[in-house]
N, C-alpha and C. Protein backbone atom coordinates (compact mmCIF):
# COMPACT_ATOMS: atom_id res chain seq x y z
N MET A 1 79.72 108.92 83.03
CA MET A 1 80.02 108.02 83.70
C MET A 1 80.09 106.52 83.35
N ASN A 2 81.49 106.03 83.14
CA ASN A 2 81.07 104.63 82.90
C ASN A 2 80.60 103.68 83.79
N ALA A 3 80.62 102.24 83.34
CA ALA A 3 79.84 101.33 84.19
C ALA A 3 80.62 100.77 85.36
N ASP A 4 82.21 100.63 85.23
CA ASP A 4 83.02 100.42 86.37
C ASP A 4 82.88 101.49 87.43
N HIS A 5 82.60 102.79 87.18
CA HIS A 5 82.39 103.55 88.40
C HIS A 5 81.03 103.51 88.71
N ALA A 6 79.87 103.52 87.88
CA ALA A 6 78.64 102.95 88.40
C ALA A 6 78.51 101.63 89.57
N ARG A 7 79.44 100.85 89.17
CA ARG A 7 79.27 99.47 89.83
C ARG A 7 79.91 99.75 90.97
N MET A 8 81.13 100.53 91.07
CA MET A 8 82.01 100.69 92.19
C MET A 8 80.89 101.74 93.39
N ASN A 9 80.19 102.58 92.59
CA ASN A 9 79.32 103.19 93.56
C ASN A 9 78.18 102.62 94.43
N SER A 10 77.94 101.55 93.51
CA SER A 10 76.56 100.79 94.15
C SER A 10 77.32 99.59 95.01
N THR A 11 78.39 99.52 95.00
CA THR A 11 79.04 98.54 95.91
C THR A 11 78.96 99.02 97.32
N GLY A 12 79.45 98.04 98.52
CA GLY A 12 79.52 98.46 99.82
C GLY A 12 80.56 99.45 100.14
N ALA A 13 81.69 98.67 99.45
CA ALA A 13 83.07 99.28 99.66
C ALA A 13 82.97 100.62 99.00
N GLY A 14 82.51 100.98 97.69
CA GLY A 14 82.31 102.38 97.38
C GLY A 14 81.64 103.22 98.25
N MET A 15 80.62 102.79 98.67
CA MET A 15 79.96 103.59 99.71
C MET A 15 80.38 103.93 100.95
N LYS A 16 81.09 102.92 101.71
CA LYS A 16 81.91 103.14 102.48
C LYS A 16 82.88 104.29 102.42
N ARG A 17 84.13 103.86 101.28
CA ARG A 17 84.85 104.98 101.20
C ARG A 17 84.10 106.42 100.72
N ARG A 18 83.14 106.43 100.30
CA ARG A 18 82.52 107.90 99.80
C ARG A 18 81.81 108.18 101.61
N ALA A 19 81.47 107.68 102.16
CA ALA A 19 81.11 108.11 103.58
C ALA A 19 81.89 108.32 104.50
N TRP A 20 83.02 108.04 104.13
CA TRP A 20 84.68 108.44 105.21
C TRP A 20 85.01 109.95 104.70
N PHE A 21 84.69 110.06 103.27
CA PHE A 21 85.31 111.13 102.92
C PHE A 21 84.04 112.21 102.63
N ARG A 22 83.47 112.61 103.80
CA ARG A 22 82.31 113.63 103.85
C ARG A 22 82.78 114.71 104.40
N ARG A 23 82.39 115.80 104.41
CA ARG A 23 83.02 117.02 104.89
C ARG A 23 82.54 117.23 106.36
N GLY A 24 81.36 116.70 106.72
CA GLY A 24 80.59 116.95 108.31
C GLY A 24 81.47 116.68 109.28
N PRO A 25 81.69 114.91 109.47
CA PRO A 25 82.38 114.54 110.43
C PRO A 25 83.60 114.66 110.41
N CYS A 26 84.34 115.11 109.01
CA CYS A 26 85.80 115.42 109.20
C CYS A 26 86.00 116.96 109.43
N GLU A 27 85.32 117.80 109.52
CA GLU A 27 85.29 118.91 109.79
C GLU A 27 84.97 119.07 111.28
N GLY A 28 84.34 118.27 112.04
CA GLY A 28 83.97 118.17 113.27
C GLY A 28 85.39 118.38 114.01
N ALA A 29 86.11 116.73 113.55
CA ALA A 29 87.14 116.23 113.91
C ALA A 29 88.50 116.97 113.73
N ALA A 30 88.28 117.89 112.74
CA ALA A 30 89.43 118.71 112.93
C ALA A 30 89.52 120.21 113.71
N ALA A 31 87.99 120.47 113.87
CA ALA A 31 87.40 121.66 114.94
C ALA A 31 87.88 121.05 116.54
N THR A 32 87.81 119.95 116.56
CA THR A 32 88.05 119.24 117.93
C THR A 32 89.47 119.37 118.31
N LEU A 33 90.28 119.00 117.24
CA LEU A 33 91.82 119.07 117.30
C LEU A 33 92.21 120.44 117.68
N ILE A 34 91.51 121.46 116.93
CA ILE A 34 91.80 122.80 117.09
C ILE A 34 91.40 123.30 118.67
N ILE A 35 90.36 122.87 118.92
CA ILE A 35 89.51 123.32 120.27
C ILE A 35 90.53 122.61 121.30
N ALA A 36 90.98 121.38 121.12
CA ALA A 36 91.76 120.41 122.20
C ALA A 36 93.10 121.48 122.15
N GLY A 37 93.75 121.76 121.08
CA GLY A 37 95.19 122.45 120.99
C GLY A 37 94.81 123.73 122.04
N ILE A 38 93.63 124.49 121.80
CA ILE A 38 93.64 125.69 122.49
C ILE A 38 93.73 125.72 124.14
N VAL A 39 92.62 124.30 124.50
CA VAL A 39 92.91 124.05 125.85
C VAL A 39 94.21 123.51 126.27
N MET A 40 94.73 123.03 125.36
CA MET A 40 96.05 122.55 125.78
C MET A 40 97.26 123.67 126.13
N MET A 41 97.31 124.65 125.23
CA MET A 41 97.98 125.77 125.71
C MET A 41 97.37 126.77 126.69
N MET A 42 95.99 126.58 126.93
CA MET A 42 95.76 127.92 128.05
C MET A 42 95.80 127.00 129.46
N GLN A 43 95.99 125.91 129.68
CA GLN A 43 96.11 125.28 130.88
C GLN A 43 97.37 125.14 131.38
N PRO A 44 97.23 125.36 132.88
CA PRO A 44 98.54 126.10 133.69
C PRO A 44 99.23 124.48 134.42
N PHE A 45 98.85 123.74 133.93
CA PHE A 45 99.12 122.26 134.78
C PHE A 45 100.65 121.52 134.34
N SER A 46 100.51 121.30 133.07
CA SER A 46 101.50 120.22 132.63
C SER A 46 102.13 121.15 131.35
N MET A 47 103.16 121.26 131.33
CA MET A 47 104.35 121.52 130.26
C MET A 47 104.23 120.85 129.00
N LEU A 48 104.07 119.43 129.35
CA LEU A 48 104.02 118.82 128.17
C LEU A 48 102.76 119.06 127.51
N LEU A 49 101.71 119.04 127.68
CA LEU A 49 100.70 119.47 126.99
C LEU A 49 100.75 120.66 126.24
N TYR A 50 101.22 121.89 126.95
CA TYR A 50 101.52 123.32 126.55
C TYR A 50 102.64 122.92 125.44
N THR A 51 103.72 122.04 125.23
CA THR A 51 104.64 121.75 124.52
C THR A 51 104.14 121.34 123.43
N TYR A 52 103.04 120.59 123.20
CA TYR A 52 102.51 120.04 122.08
C TYR A 52 101.23 120.74 121.52
N SER A 53 100.80 121.71 122.25
CA SER A 53 99.34 122.62 121.87
C SER A 53 99.69 123.13 120.37
N PHE A 54 101.09 123.55 120.03
CA PHE A 54 100.95 124.58 118.80
C PHE A 54 100.72 123.34 117.72
N VAL A 55 101.43 122.07 118.12
CA VAL A 55 101.60 120.97 116.74
C VAL A 55 99.96 120.55 116.72
N THR A 56 99.42 120.70 117.82
CA THR A 56 97.83 120.24 117.53
C THR A 56 97.05 121.27 117.16
N ILE A 57 97.30 122.51 117.16
CA ILE A 57 96.32 123.23 116.55
C ILE A 57 96.70 123.18 115.24
N LEU A 58 97.91 123.11 114.75
CA LEU A 58 98.40 123.39 113.46
C LEU A 58 97.92 122.20 112.61
N THR A 59 98.01 120.74 113.46
CA THR A 59 97.39 119.77 112.65
C THR A 59 95.76 119.73 112.41
N GLY A 60 95.41 120.48 113.53
CA GLY A 60 93.61 120.68 113.08
C GLY A 60 93.45 121.86 112.03
N THR A 61 94.21 122.71 111.96
CA THR A 61 93.96 123.76 111.17
C THR A 61 94.24 123.27 109.48
N LEU A 62 95.31 122.46 109.40
CA LEU A 62 95.64 122.01 108.41
C LEU A 62 94.61 120.98 107.88
N GLY A 63 94.29 120.06 108.79
CA GLY A 63 93.28 119.02 108.44
C GLY A 63 91.72 119.62 107.98
N PHE A 64 91.69 120.77 108.65
CA PHE A 64 90.09 121.57 108.16
C PHE A 64 90.39 122.12 106.78
N VAL A 65 91.54 122.87 106.52
CA VAL A 65 91.78 123.32 105.09
C VAL A 65 91.71 122.02 104.07
N VAL A 66 92.53 120.86 104.48
CA VAL A 66 92.26 119.96 103.69
C VAL A 66 90.89 119.43 103.38
N VAL A 67 90.07 119.19 104.70
CA VAL A 67 88.68 118.87 104.47
C VAL A 67 87.47 119.64 103.85
N SER A 68 87.98 121.16 103.98
CA SER A 68 86.94 121.71 103.51
C SER A 68 86.82 121.65 101.93
N HIS A 69 87.94 120.79 101.12
CA HIS A 69 87.74 120.62 99.96
C HIS A 69 87.08 119.27 99.68
N PHE A 70 86.44 118.55 100.68
CA PHE A 70 85.71 117.22 100.63
C PHE A 70 84.39 117.84 99.71
N PRO A 71 83.51 116.61 99.45
CA PRO A 71 82.10 116.89 99.17
C PRO A 71 81.30 116.74 100.33
N LYS A 72 80.36 117.63 100.31
CA LYS A 72 79.22 117.69 101.39
C LYS A 72 78.62 116.30 101.45
């Protein structure tokens, strides 16, 4: 580990970036998108929500796949 890398990790900006790319919160957001898409698909009230349900589920699934490669 070089000095620049150590300095970046000890600064506030480096810590904020590392905190953003954590698996836990991002997995929760992706799972929430998947659940929202399923609810949108199962509701009988709005055709617009039903129309965008598959895109929402797909976005949540792809997000979950990407997030699963983030550090814990």
